[in-house]
Amino acid sequence: MARTRTDSLDSLASLDSQVSSLPSGPSATESEEELQRLQKEWDEQVEQFRLIVEVVALPFVGKWLGRRSAYWLYKRWLAMGWTASFFLGETVVRELLSIEAWFSLY
């Protein structure tokens, strides 16, 4: 038996109604579960990054800054000794001495 054009259109219409009755996307529970899974992954990655910073980066930076400042202080101590210039700076000491000399004139 040959199919007529009307039969083909009827079958297409019924197929179209079946397809339109199917859910168009994931259900609400599936999307909530997906969001929860993604949030859990994000939290784990943030925690891993925090651990890397705390365990590797901060000690490395602290060690580097400590050595730099110790080298600078030792070099300053060798040049000036334990004088007022070491603690206050040469410019401040010069200014204080000039003020003291100015007051001693009167």
N, C-alpha and C. Protein backbone atom coordinates (compact mmCIF):
# COMPACT_ATOMS: atom_id res chain seq x y z
N MET A 1 0.83 -1.15 0.00
CA MET A 1 0.00 0.00 0.00
C MET A 1 0.89 1.23 0.00
N ALA A 2 0.59 2.14 -0.86
CA ALA A 2 1.40 3.34 -1.02
C ALA A 2 0.97 4.39 0.00
N ARG A 3 1.98 5.05 0.53
CA ARG A 3 1.69 6.12 1.50
C ARG A 3 1.33 7.39 0.76
N THR A 4 0.36 8.00 1.26
CA THR A 4 -0.05 9.26 0.64
C THR A 4 0.59 10.42 1.37
N ARG A 5 0.47 11.54 0.77
CA ARG A 5 1.05 12.76 1.34
C ARG A 5 0.39 13.09 2.69
N THR A 6 -0.89 12.82 2.81
CA THR A 6 -1.62 13.10 4.04
C THR A 6 -1.12 12.20 5.17
N ASP A 7 -0.86 10.93 4.85
CA ASP A 7 -0.34 10.01 5.86
C ASP A 7 1.02 10.47 6.36
N SER A 8 1.85 10.93 5.44
CA SER A 8 3.18 11.41 5.82
C SER A 8 3.09 12.63 6.71
N LEU A 9 2.18 13.53 6.37
CA LEU A 9 2.02 14.74 7.19
C LEU A 9 1.47 14.39 8.57
N ASP A 10 0.55 13.42 8.62
CA ASP A 10 0.00 13.00 9.91
C ASP A 10 1.07 12.37 10.79
N SER A 11 1.92 11.55 10.20
CA SER A 11 2.98 10.92 10.98
C SER A 11 4.00 11.95 11.45
N LEU A 12 4.27 12.95 10.61
CA LEU A 12 5.18 14.03 11.02
C LEU A 12 4.57 14.85 12.15
N ALA A 13 3.27 15.10 12.08
CA ALA A 13 2.60 15.87 13.13
C ALA A 13 2.62 15.11 14.45
N SER A 14 2.37 13.80 14.40
CA SER A 14 2.39 13.02 15.63
C SER A 14 3.80 12.93 16.20
N LEU A 15 4.79 12.81 15.32
CA LEU A 15 6.18 12.79 15.76
C LEU A 15 6.56 14.13 16.40
N ASP A 16 6.10 15.22 15.80
CA ASP A 16 6.38 16.55 16.33
C ASP A 16 5.75 16.73 17.70
N SER A 17 4.54 16.22 17.89
CA SER A 17 3.88 16.35 19.19
C SER A 17 4.59 15.50 20.24
N GLN A 18 5.11 14.34 19.84
CA GLN A 18 5.86 13.51 20.77
C GLN A 18 7.17 14.19 21.19
N VAL A 19 7.85 14.80 20.23
CA VAL A 19 9.12 15.48 20.53
C VAL A 19 8.88 16.69 21.42
N SER A 20 7.81 17.43 21.16
CA SER A 20 7.54 18.62 21.96
C SER A 20 7.13 18.26 23.38
N SER A 21 6.60 17.06 23.59
CA SER A 21 6.21 16.66 24.94
C SER A 21 7.42 16.20 25.77
N LEU A 22 8.54 15.93 25.13
CA LEU A 22 9.74 15.54 25.87
C LEU A 22 10.30 16.74 26.63
N PRO A 23 10.92 16.50 27.77
CA PRO A 23 11.52 17.63 28.50
C PRO A 23 12.64 18.26 27.67
N SER A 24 12.67 19.57 27.66
CA SER A 24 13.62 20.26 26.78
C SER A 24 15.03 20.30 27.35
N GLY A 25 15.18 20.25 28.65
CA GLY A 25 16.50 20.33 29.25
C GLY A 25 16.56 19.45 30.48
N PRO A 26 17.64 19.56 31.19
CA PRO A 26 17.76 18.75 32.40
C PRO A 26 16.73 19.19 33.44
N SER A 27 16.33 18.26 34.24
CA SER A 27 15.34 18.59 35.27
C SER A 27 15.99 19.46 36.34
N ALA A 28 15.18 20.00 37.21
CA ALA A 28 15.67 20.90 38.25
C ALA A 28 16.62 20.19 39.19
N THR A 29 16.32 18.93 39.51
CA THR A 29 17.19 18.22 40.44
C THR A 29 18.54 17.92 39.80
N GLU A 30 18.54 17.61 38.50
CA GLU A 30 19.81 17.35 37.82
C GLU A 30 20.68 18.60 37.77
N SER A 31 20.07 19.74 37.50
CA SER A 31 20.85 20.97 37.43
C SER A 31 21.35 21.37 38.82
N GLU A 32 20.54 21.14 39.86
CA GLU A 32 20.99 21.43 41.22
C GLU A 32 22.16 20.53 41.62
N GLU A 33 22.06 19.25 41.25
CA GLU A 33 23.16 18.32 41.55
C GLU A 33 24.43 18.73 40.82
N GLU A 34 24.27 19.16 39.58
CA GLU A 34 25.42 19.61 38.79
C GLU A 34 26.05 20.85 39.43
N LEU A 35 25.21 21.79 39.86
CA LEU A 35 25.73 22.99 40.53
C LEU A 35 26.45 22.64 41.83
N GLN A 36 25.90 21.72 42.59
CA GLN A 36 26.54 21.29 43.83
C GLN A 36 27.89 20.63 43.54
N ARG A 37 27.93 19.81 42.50
CA ARG A 37 29.19 19.15 42.14
C ARG A 37 30.23 20.18 41.72
N LEU A 38 29.81 21.15 40.90
CA LEU A 38 30.74 22.19 40.46
C LEU A 38 31.21 23.05 41.63
N GLN A 39 30.31 23.35 42.56
CA GLN A 39 30.69 24.14 43.74
C GLN A 39 31.70 23.36 44.59
N LYS A 40 31.48 22.07 44.73
CA LYS A 40 32.41 21.24 45.51
C LYS A 40 33.79 21.21 44.84
N GLU A 41 33.82 21.07 43.52
CA GLU A 41 35.10 21.10 42.79
C GLU A 41 35.80 22.44 42.98
N TRP A 42 35.03 23.52 42.89
CA TRP A 42 35.61 24.86 43.05
C TRP A 42 36.20 25.02 44.46
N ASP A 43 35.47 24.59 45.48
CA ASP A 43 35.96 24.68 46.85
C ASP A 43 37.23 23.87 47.04
N GLU A 44 37.30 22.69 46.43
CA GLU A 44 38.51 21.87 46.53
C GLU A 44 39.69 22.56 45.86
N GLN A 45 39.46 23.18 44.71
CA GLN A 45 40.55 23.86 44.01
C GLN A 45 41.03 25.08 44.79
N VAL A 46 40.11 25.81 45.41
CA VAL A 46 40.49 26.96 46.23
C VAL A 46 41.31 26.49 47.43
N GLU A 47 40.91 25.40 48.04
CA GLU A 47 41.64 24.85 49.18
C GLU A 47 43.05 24.41 48.76
N GLN A 48 43.18 23.78 47.60
CA GLN A 48 44.50 23.38 47.11
C GLN A 48 45.38 24.59 46.85
N PHE A 49 44.82 25.62 46.27
CA PHE A 49 45.59 26.84 46.02
C PHE A 49 46.03 27.48 47.33
N ARG A 50 45.14 27.52 48.32
CA ARG A 50 45.47 28.08 49.63
C ARG A 50 46.62 27.29 50.27
N LEU A 51 46.57 25.98 50.18
CA LEU A 51 47.63 25.16 50.74
C LEU A 51 48.96 25.40 50.04
N ILE A 52 48.94 25.54 48.73
CA ILE A 52 50.17 25.81 47.99
C ILE A 52 50.77 27.13 48.44
N VAL A 53 49.93 28.13 48.59
CA VAL A 53 50.42 29.44 49.03
C VAL A 53 50.99 29.35 50.44
N GLU A 54 50.28 28.69 51.35
CA GLU A 54 50.72 28.61 52.73
C GLU A 54 51.98 27.75 52.90
N VAL A 55 52.08 26.67 52.17
CA VAL A 55 53.16 25.72 52.39
C VAL A 55 54.40 26.05 51.56
N VAL A 56 54.21 26.61 50.37
CA VAL A 56 55.35 26.83 49.48
C VAL A 56 55.68 28.31 49.34
N ALA A 57 54.73 29.11 48.95
CA ALA A 57 55.02 30.50 48.58
C ALA A 57 55.38 31.37 49.78
N LEU A 58 54.58 31.35 50.84
CA LEU A 58 54.86 32.22 51.98
C LEU A 58 56.20 31.91 52.65
N PRO A 59 56.55 30.66 52.92
CA PRO A 59 57.87 30.41 53.49
C PRO A 59 59.01 30.84 52.56
N PHE A 60 58.85 30.64 51.27
CA PHE A 60 59.89 31.04 50.33
C PHE A 60 60.07 32.55 50.34
N VAL A 61 58.98 33.30 50.29
CA VAL A 61 59.05 34.76 50.30
C VAL A 61 59.61 35.25 51.64
N GLY A 62 59.18 34.64 52.74
CA GLY A 62 59.70 35.03 54.05
C GLY A 62 61.19 34.79 54.18
N LYS A 63 61.64 33.67 53.68
CA LYS A 63 63.07 33.36 53.72
C LYS A 63 63.86 34.36 52.89
N TRP A 64 63.35 34.67 51.71
CA TRP A 64 64.03 35.62 50.82
C TRP A 64 64.08 37.01 51.45
N LEU A 65 62.95 37.49 51.99
CA LEU A 65 62.93 38.81 52.62
C LEU A 65 63.82 38.85 53.86
N GLY A 66 63.82 37.78 54.63
CA GLY A 66 64.68 37.73 55.82
C GLY A 66 66.15 37.81 55.47
N ARG A 67 66.55 37.09 54.46
CA ARG A 67 67.96 37.13 54.06
C ARG A 67 68.34 38.49 53.49
N ARG A 68 67.43 39.08 52.70
CA ARG A 68 67.72 40.41 52.13
C ARG A 68 67.87 41.45 53.24
N SER A 69 66.97 41.43 54.20
CA SER A 69 67.05 42.43 55.27
C SER A 69 68.25 42.17 56.17
N ALA A 70 68.60 40.92 56.43
CA ALA A 70 69.77 40.61 57.25
C ALA A 70 71.04 41.07 56.55
N TYR A 71 71.13 40.86 55.25
CA TYR A 71 72.29 41.31 54.49
C TYR A 71 72.40 42.83 54.54
N TRP A 72 71.29 43.51 54.37
CA TRP A 72 71.28 44.97 54.39
C TRP A 72 71.68 45.50 55.78
N LEU A 73 71.14 44.91 56.84
CA LEU A 73 71.48 45.35 58.20
C LEU A 73 72.95 45.08 58.52
N TYR A 74 73.47 43.94 58.10
CA TYR A 74 74.86 43.63 58.37
C TYR A 74 75.78 44.60 57.63
N LYS A 75 75.46 44.89 56.39
CA LYS A 75 76.25 45.84 55.62
C LYS A 75 76.21 47.22 56.28
N ARG A 76 75.05 47.63 56.76
CA ARG A 76 74.91 48.92 57.44
C ARG A 76 75.69 48.93 58.75
N TRP A 77 75.67 47.83 59.49
CA TRP A 77 76.40 47.74 60.75
C TRP A 77 77.91 47.81 60.50
N LEU A 78 78.38 47.14 59.43
CA LEU A 78 79.81 47.21 59.11
C LEU A 78 80.22 48.64 58.77
N ALA A 79 79.38 49.39 58.09
CA ALA A 79 79.72 50.75 57.68
C ALA A 79 79.61 51.73 58.84
N MET A 80 78.65 51.57 59.74
CA MET A 80 78.38 52.59 60.75
C MET A 80 78.63 52.14 62.18
N GLY A 81 78.59 50.87 62.45
CA GLY A 81 78.71 50.41 63.83
C GLY A 81 77.41 50.68 64.58
N TRP A 82 77.48 50.56 65.92
CA TRP A 82 76.28 50.78 66.73
C TRP A 82 76.18 52.25 67.13
N THR A 83 76.07 53.11 66.18
CA THR A 83 75.96 54.54 66.45
C THR A 83 74.53 54.99 66.20
N ALA A 84 74.31 56.28 66.46
CA ALA A 84 72.98 56.84 66.21
C ALA A 84 72.66 56.81 64.72
N SER A 85 73.68 56.90 63.88
CA SER A 85 73.46 56.86 62.43
C SER A 85 72.87 55.53 61.99
N PHE A 86 73.25 54.46 62.67
CA PHE A 86 72.73 53.15 62.32
C PHE A 86 71.22 53.10 62.51
N PHE A 87 70.74 53.66 63.61
CA PHE A 87 69.32 53.58 63.94
C PHE A 87 68.48 54.68 63.30
N LEU A 88 69.03 55.89 63.22
CA LEU A 88 68.24 57.03 62.75
C LEU A 88 68.51 57.40 61.30
N GLY A 89 69.66 57.05 60.80
CA GLY A 89 70.02 57.46 59.44
C GLY A 89 70.97 58.64 59.50
N GLU A 90 71.82 58.73 58.52
CA GLU A 90 72.85 59.78 58.51
C GLU A 90 72.24 61.17 58.38
N THR A 91 71.22 61.31 57.60
CA THR A 91 70.61 62.63 57.39
C THR A 91 70.00 63.16 58.68
N VAL A 92 69.30 62.33 59.41
CA VAL A 92 68.68 62.75 60.66
C VAL A 92 69.74 63.13 61.67
N VAL A 93 70.80 62.34 61.76
CA VAL A 93 71.87 62.63 62.70
C VAL A 93 72.53 63.95 62.34
N ARG A 94 72.78 64.19 61.06
CA ARG A 94 73.37 65.47 60.63
C ARG A 94 72.47 66.64 61.02
N GLU A 95 71.18 66.49 60.80
CA GLU A 95 70.23 67.55 61.17
C GLU A 95 70.23 67.77 62.67
N LEU A 96 70.23 66.70 63.44
CA LEU A 96 70.26 66.84 64.89
C LEU A 96 71.54 67.53 65.36
N LEU A 97 72.65 67.17 64.76
CA LEU A 97 73.92 67.80 65.14
C LEU A 97 73.94 69.27 64.75
N SER A 98 73.36 69.60 63.61
CA SER A 98 73.32 71.01 63.20
C SER A 98 72.40 71.81 64.11
N ILE A 99 71.30 71.23 64.54
CA ILE A 99 70.40 71.91 65.48
C ILE A 99 71.10 72.09 66.82
N GLU A 100 71.80 71.06 67.27
CA GLU A 100 72.54 71.14 68.53
C GLU A 100 73.63 72.19 68.44
N ALA A 101 74.33 72.25 67.31
CA ALA A 101 75.37 73.26 67.13
C ALA A 101 74.76 74.65 67.09
N TRP A 102 73.62 74.80 66.50
CA TRP A 102 72.97 76.10 66.43
C TRP A 102 72.56 76.58 67.82
N PHE A 103 72.04 75.65 68.66
CA PHE A 103 71.65 76.03 70.02
C PHE A 103 72.87 76.31 70.89
N SER A 104 73.98 75.69 70.61
CA SER A 104 75.17 75.93 71.43
C SER A 104 75.77 77.30 71.16
N LEU A 105 75.41 77.94 70.05
CA LEU A 105 75.91 79.28 69.75
C LEU A 105 75.27 80.31 70.67
N TYR A 106 74.13 80.07 71.19
CA TYR A 106 73.43 81.06 72.02
C TYR A 106 73.52 80.74 73.46
